[in-house]
Amino acid sequence: MHISAGFSSLALAIVLGRNQEDSPTSQNILNNLLGTAMLWFGWFGFNGGSALGVNDQAVLAVVNSNFSAATAGLTWMLLEYLDGHKPSIIGLTNGCVCGLVGITPGCGFVPVWSSFLIGMGSSITSYFFIRKFKHLIFAGKFHDTLGYSISISDVFGCHGISGFWGGIATGLFAQN
């Protein structure tokens, strides 16, 4: 689901091209934080509800979702710090979303310890794509943004890249 959403957003961004106005949008940090908290809470229902019952698999999905998102958020902030930027709430929320996206394919099928690795991998892959490779590959020919930040995050970078990593990680860590 997230891979197709990420790649669909990439295709749409290519078709639409760049924005006419290139000024940064204002960021409401409180709204971003509250939105991420609501999204995170809703994701428990999405991932846990995918088990179609109140059972061990549903509990595992919720626990894995929580650990992956928390690990990814902290990893993103650490990457910002190591990259010479101030760790930010916007970065934290982007990382949390990447962790939720990355764990979704295997949330009920991977052991809890691997949710930390999946969350960390989601943040690392998305962060380096967005910060280091996106401008080299696409050379600013289009504008793919989540709507609250032009330079920090994008839909393809968060959903497409983290979703791709999550699909691979599910194959690496899934258990019966």
C-alpha atoms as a PDB file:
ATOM      1  CA  MET A   1       0.000   0.000   0.000  1.00  0.00           C
ATOM      2  CA  HIS A   2       2.685   2.523   0.964  1.00  0.00           C
ATOM      3  CA  ILE A   3       4.954   1.612  -1.911  1.00  0.00           C
ATOM      4  CA  SER A   4       2.127   2.206  -4.381  1.00  0.00           C
ATOM      5  CA  ALA A   5       1.144   5.462  -2.607  1.00  0.00           C
ATOM      6  CA  GLY A   6       4.738   6.691  -2.694  1.00  0.00           C
ATOM      7  CA  PHE A   7       5.289   5.837  -6.327  1.00  0.00           C
ATOM      8  CA  SER A   8       1.862   7.237  -7.294  1.00  0.00           C
ATOM      9  CA  SER A   9       2.745  10.517  -5.610  1.00  0.00           C
ATOM     10  CA  LEU A  10       6.048  10.533  -7.481  1.00  0.00           C
ATOM     11  CA  ALA A  11       4.249  10.046 -10.799  1.00  0.00           C
ATOM     12  CA  LEU A  12       1.767  12.811  -9.993  1.00  0.00           C
ATOM     13  CA  ALA A  13       4.556  15.174  -8.902  1.00  0.00           C
ATOM     14  CA  ILE A  14       6.356  14.539 -12.196  1.00  0.00           C
ATOM     15  CA  VAL A  15       3.177  15.237 -14.194  1.00  0.00           C
ATOM     16  CA  LEU A  16       2.370  18.424 -12.253  1.00  0.00           C
ATOM     17  CA  GLY A  17       5.948  19.729 -12.265  1.00  0.00           C
ATOM     18  CA  ARG A  18       7.346  22.402  -9.965  1.00  0.00           C
ATOM     19  CA  ASN A  19       5.301  24.938  -8.038  1.00  0.00           C
ATOM     20  CA  GLN A  20       5.122  28.378  -9.588  1.00  0.00           C
ATOM     21  CA  GLU A  21       5.976  29.935  -6.243  1.00  0.00           C
ATOM     22  CA  ASP A  22       9.056  28.556  -4.515  1.00  0.00           C
ATOM     23  CA  SER A  23       8.772  30.280  -1.136  1.00  0.00           C
ATOM     24  CA  PRO A  24       8.792  28.116   1.987  1.00  0.00           C
ATOM     25  CA  THR A  25       5.442  27.460   3.590  1.00  0.00           C
ATOM     26  CA  SER A  26       4.917  28.265   7.224  1.00  0.00           C
ATOM     27  CA  GLN A  27       5.151  25.318   9.537  1.00  0.00           C
ATOM     28  CA  ASN A  28       2.811  24.958  12.464  1.00  0.00           C
ATOM     29  CA  ILE A  29       4.838  22.687  14.703  1.00  0.00           C
ATOM     30  CA  LEU A  30       2.017  22.087  17.170  1.00  0.00           C
ATOM     31  CA  ASN A  31      -0.372  20.992  14.406  1.00  0.00           C
ATOM     32  CA  ASN A  32       2.336  18.769  12.963  1.00  0.00           C
ATOM     33  CA  LEU A  33       2.943  17.130  16.343  1.00  0.00           C
ATOM     34  CA  LEU A  34      -0.767  16.682  17.081  1.00  0.00           C
ATOM     35  CA  GLY A  35      -1.388  15.315  13.587  1.00  0.00           C
ATOM     36  CA  THR A  36       1.408  12.800  13.962  1.00  0.00           C
ATOM     37  CA  ALA A  37       0.095  11.728  17.386  1.00  0.00           C
ATOM     38  CA  MET A  38      -3.387  11.161  15.935  1.00  0.00           C
ATOM     39  CA  LEU A  39      -1.916   9.323  12.963  1.00  0.00           C
ATOM     40  CA  TRP A  40       0.187   7.146  15.260  1.00  0.00           C
ATOM     41  CA  PHE A  41      -2.859   6.290  17.390  1.00  0.00           C
ATOM     42  CA  GLY A  42      -4.923   5.519  14.292  1.00  0.00           C
ATOM     43  CA  TRP A  43      -2.149   3.312  12.971  1.00  0.00           C
ATOM     44  CA  PHE A  44      -2.638   1.034  15.987  1.00  0.00           C
ATOM     45  CA  GLY A  45      -6.166   0.389  14.760  1.00  0.00           C
ATOM     46  CA  PHE A  46      -5.003  -0.082  11.196  1.00  0.00           C
ATOM     47  CA  ASN A  47      -2.134  -2.477  11.929  1.00  0.00           C
ATOM     48  CA  GLY A  48      -3.723  -4.165  14.943  1.00  0.00           C
ATOM     49  CA  GLY A  49      -7.086  -4.412  13.221  1.00  0.00           C
ATOM     50  CA  SER A  50      -5.525  -6.201  10.270  1.00  0.00           C
ATOM     51  CA  ALA A  51      -5.401  -9.333  12.428  1.00  0.00           C
ATOM     52  CA  LEU A  52      -9.243  -9.366  12.293  1.00  0.00           C
ATOM     53  CA  GLY A  53      -9.511 -10.271  15.960  1.00  0.00           C
ATOM     54  CA  VAL A  54      -8.258  -9.639  19.464  1.00  0.00           C
ATOM     55  CA  ASN A  55      -5.395 -12.101  19.531  1.00  0.00           C
ATOM     56  CA  ASP A  56      -1.628 -12.435  19.855  1.00  0.00           C
ATOM     57  CA  GLN A  57      -1.046 -11.264  16.299  1.00  0.00           C
ATOM     58  CA  ALA A  58      -3.016  -8.044  16.893  1.00  0.00           C
ATOM     59  CA  VAL A  59      -1.045  -7.300  20.061  1.00  0.00           C
ATOM     60  CA  LEU A  60       2.226  -8.007  18.262  1.00  0.00           C
ATOM     61  CA  ALA A  61       1.210  -5.641  15.454  1.00  0.00           C
ATOM     62  CA  VAL A  62       0.461  -2.802  17.893  1.00  0.00           C
ATOM     63  CA  VAL A  63       3.658  -3.323  19.903  1.00  0.00           C
ATOM     64  CA  ASN A  64       5.785  -3.515  16.754  1.00  0.00           C
ATOM     65  CA  SER A  65       4.125  -0.399  15.334  1.00  0.00           C
ATOM     66  CA  ASN A  66       4.855   1.555  18.500  1.00  0.00           C
ATOM     67  CA  PHE A  67       8.496   0.494  18.808  1.00  0.00           C
ATOM     68  CA  SER A  68       9.226   1.002  15.136  1.00  0.00           C
ATOM     69  CA  ALA A  69       7.759   4.522  15.090  1.00  0.00           C
ATOM     70  CA  ALA A  70       9.543   5.568  18.282  1.00  0.00           C
ATOM     71  CA  THR A  71      12.874   4.181  17.096  1.00  0.00           C
ATOM     72  CA  ALA A  72      12.501   5.801  13.676  1.00  0.00           C
ATOM     73  CA  GLY A  73      11.684   9.196  15.185  1.00  0.00           C
ATOM     74  CA  LEU A  74      14.707   9.133  17.469  1.00  0.00           C
ATOM     75  CA  THR A  75      16.907   7.857  14.646  1.00  0.00           C
ATOM     76  CA  TRP A  76      15.807  10.723  12.382  1.00  0.00           C
ATOM     77  CA  MET A  77      16.692  13.249  15.089  1.00  0.00           C
ATOM     78  CA  LEU A  78      20.088  11.601  15.591  1.00  0.00           C
ATOM     79  CA  LEU A  79      20.724  11.717  11.844  1.00  0.00           C
ATOM     80  CA  GLU A  80      19.845  15.432  11.810  1.00  0.00           C
ATOM     81  CA  TYR A  81      22.312  16.034  14.628  1.00  0.00           C
ATOM     82  CA  LEU A  82      25.086  14.000  12.966  1.00  0.00           C
ATOM     83  CA  ASP A  83      24.404  15.840   9.698  1.00  0.00           C
ATOM     84  CA  GLY A  84      25.058  19.199  11.390  1.00  0.00           C
ATOM     85  CA  HIS A  85      21.422  20.286  11.786  1.00  0.00           C
ATOM     86  CA  LYS A  86      19.505  20.960  14.979  1.00  0.00           C
ATOM     87  CA  PRO A  87      17.249  18.021  15.849  1.00  0.00           C
ATOM     88  CA  SER A  88      13.688  19.165  15.288  1.00  0.00           C
ATOM     89  CA  ILE A  89      10.114  18.230  16.093  1.00  0.00           C
ATOM     90  CA  ILE A  90       9.396  18.188  12.350  1.00  0.00           C
ATOM     91  CA  GLY A  91      12.234  15.681  11.916  1.00  0.00           C
ATOM     92  CA  LEU A  92      10.926  13.623  14.823  1.00  0.00           C
ATOM     93  CA  THR A  93       7.454  13.453  13.296  1.00  0.00           C
ATOM     94  CA  ASN A  94       8.820  12.606   9.839  1.00  0.00           C
ATOM     95  CA  GLY A  95      10.833   9.774  11.364  1.00  0.00           C
ATOM     96  CA  CYS A  96       7.808   8.460  13.253  1.00  0.00           C
ATOM     97  CA  VAL A  97       5.751   8.351  10.065  1.00  0.00           C
ATOM     98  CA  CYS A  98       8.601   6.558   8.258  1.00  0.00           C
ATOM     99  CA  GLY A  99       8.747   3.981  11.069  1.00  0.00           C
ATOM    100  CA  LEU A 100       4.999   3.378  10.880  1.00  0.00           C
ATOM    101  CA  VAL A 101       5.193   2.971   7.114  1.00  0.00           C
ATOM    102  CA  GLY A 102       8.175   0.630   7.335  1.00  0.00           C
ATOM    103  CA  ILE A 103       6.662  -1.722   9.922  1.00  0.00           C
ATOM    104  CA  THR A 104       3.218  -1.987   8.306  1.00  0.00           C
ATOM    105  CA  PRO A 105       3.925  -4.893   5.891  1.00  0.00           C
ATOM    106  CA  GLY A 106       5.237  -7.198   8.602  1.00  0.00           C
ATOM    107  CA  CYS A 107       3.868  -5.769  11.850  1.00  0.00           C
ATOM    108  CA  GLY A 108       2.114  -8.980  12.889  1.00  0.00           C
ATOM    109  CA  PHE A 109       4.752 -11.346  11.534  1.00  0.00           C
ATOM    110  CA  VAL A 110       8.135 -10.076  12.758  1.00  0.00           C
ATOM    111  CA  PRO A 111       9.600 -10.443  16.266  1.00  0.00           C
ATOM    112  CA  VAL A 112       9.584  -7.381  18.503  1.00  0.00           C
ATOM    113  CA  TRP A 113      13.383  -6.953  18.415  1.00  0.00           C
ATOM    114  CA  SER A 114      13.276  -6.569  14.644  1.00  0.00           C
ATOM    115  CA  SER A 115      10.800  -3.670  14.867  1.00  0.00           C
ATOM    116  CA  PHE A 116      13.676  -1.580  16.226  1.00  0.00           C
ATOM    117  CA  LEU A 117      15.794  -2.455  13.191  1.00  0.00           C
ATOM    118  CA  ILE A 118      12.934  -1.856  10.787  1.00  0.00           C
ATOM    119  CA  GLY A 119      12.222   1.553  12.330  1.00  0.00           C
ATOM    120  CA  MET A 120      15.887   2.482  12.253  1.00  0.00           C
ATOM    121  CA  GLY A 121      16.233   1.316   8.656  1.00  0.00           C
ATOM    122  CA  SER A 122      13.121   3.261   7.637  1.00  0.00           C
ATOM    123  CA  SER A 123      14.537   6.485   8.995  1.00  0.00           C
ATOM    124  CA  ILE A 124      18.011   5.937   7.611  1.00  0.00           C
ATOM    125  CA  THR A 125      16.878   5.076   4.087  1.00  0.00           C
ATOM    126  CA  SER A 126      14.302   7.874   3.879  1.00  0.00           C
ATOM    127  CA  TYR A 127      16.537  10.490   5.497  1.00  0.00           C
ATOM    128  CA  PHE A 128      19.439   9.837   3.184  1.00  0.00           C
ATOM    129  CA  PHE A 129      17.202   9.718   0.131  1.00  0.00           C
ATOM    130  CA  ILE A 130      15.523  13.016   1.018  1.00  0.00           C
ATOM    131  CA  ARG A 131      18.612  14.871   2.235  1.00  0.00           C
ATOM    132  CA  LYS A 132      21.336  13.465  -0.011  1.00  0.00           C
ATOM    133  CA  PHE A 133      20.031  11.778  -3.159  1.00  0.00           C
ATOM    134  CA  LYS A 134      16.710  13.341  -4.101  1.00  0.00           C
ATOM    135  CA  HIS A 135      18.217  16.521  -5.546  1.00  0.00           C
ATOM    136  CA  LEU A 136      20.923  14.592  -7.394  1.00  0.00           C
ATOM    137  CA  ILE A 137      18.467  12.197  -9.010  1.00  0.00           C
ATOM    138  CA  PHE A 138      15.581  14.526  -9.825  1.00  0.00           C
ATOM    139  CA  ALA A 139      17.528  17.819 -10.115  1.00  0.00           C
ATOM    140  CA  GLY A 140      14.629  19.918  -8.820  1.00  0.00           C
ATOM    141  CA  LYS A 141      12.373  19.142 -11.791  1.00  0.00           C
ATOM    142  CA  PHE A 142       9.325  18.617  -9.619  1.00  0.00           C
ATOM    143  CA  HIS A 143       8.023  19.390  -6.170  1.00  0.00           C
ATOM    144  CA  ASP A 144       6.912  16.493  -3.956  1.00  0.00           C
ATOM    145  CA  THR A 145       5.912  17.719  -0.522  1.00  0.00           C
ATOM    146  CA  LEU A 146       3.714  16.616   2.338  1.00  0.00           C
ATOM    147  CA  GLY A 147       2.300  20.124   2.476  1.00  0.00           C
ATOM    148  CA  TYR A 148       3.901  21.318   5.698  1.00  0.00           C
ATOM    149  CA  SER A 149       7.526  21.379   4.711  1.00  0.00           C
ATOM    150  CA  ILE A 150       9.244  21.946   1.404  1.00  0.00           C
ATOM    151  CA  SER A 151      12.814  20.981   2.163  1.00  0.00           C
ATOM    152  CA  ILE A 152      12.461  18.477   4.987  1.00  0.00           C
ATOM    153  CA  SER A 153      10.149  15.760   3.820  1.00  0.00           C
ATOM    154  CA  ASP A 154       8.273  14.383   0.864  1.00  0.00           C
ATOM    155  CA  VAL A 155       5.662  11.773   0.209  1.00  0.00           C
ATOM    156  CA  PHE A 156       7.796   9.611  -2.049  1.00  0.00           C
ATOM    157  CA  GLY A 157      10.762   9.803   0.308  1.00  0.00           C
ATOM    158  CA  CYS A 158       8.721   8.821   3.363  1.00  0.00           C
ATOM    159  CA  HIS A 159       6.154   6.416   1.939  1.00  0.00           C
ATOM    160  CA  GLY A 160       7.868   5.054  -1.158  1.00  0.00           C
ATOM    161  CA  ILE A 161      11.341   4.565   0.288  1.00  0.00           C
ATOM    162  CA  SER A 162      10.272   3.452   3.793  1.00  0.00           C
ATOM    163  CA  GLY A 163       7.593   1.200   2.304  1.00  0.00           C
ATOM    164  CA  PHE A 164      10.144  -0.395   0.006  1.00  0.00           C
ATOM    165  CA  TRP A 165      12.498  -0.970   2.953  1.00  0.00           C
ATOM    166  CA  GLY A 166       9.610  -2.357   5.028  1.00  0.00           C
ATOM    167  CA  GLY A 167       8.758  -4.876   2.307  1.00  0.00           C
ATOM    168  CA  ILE A 168      12.365  -6.074   2.160  1.00  0.00           C
ATOM    169  CA  ALA A 169      12.647  -6.153   5.970  1.00  0.00           C
ATOM    170  CA  THR A 170       9.494  -8.245   6.237  1.00  0.00           C
ATOM    171  CA  GLY A 171      11.173 -10.874   4.069  1.00  0.00           C
ATOM    172  CA  LEU A 172      14.293 -10.710   6.228  1.00  0.00           C
ATOM    173  CA  PHE A 173      12.639 -10.925   9.653  1.00  0.00           C
ATOM    174  CA  ALA A 174       9.222 -12.641   9.226  1.00  0.00           C
ATOM    175  CA  GLN A 175       8.514 -15.718  11.319  1.00  0.00           C
ATOM    176  CA  ASN A 176       5.719 -18.290  11.343  1.00  0.00           C
END
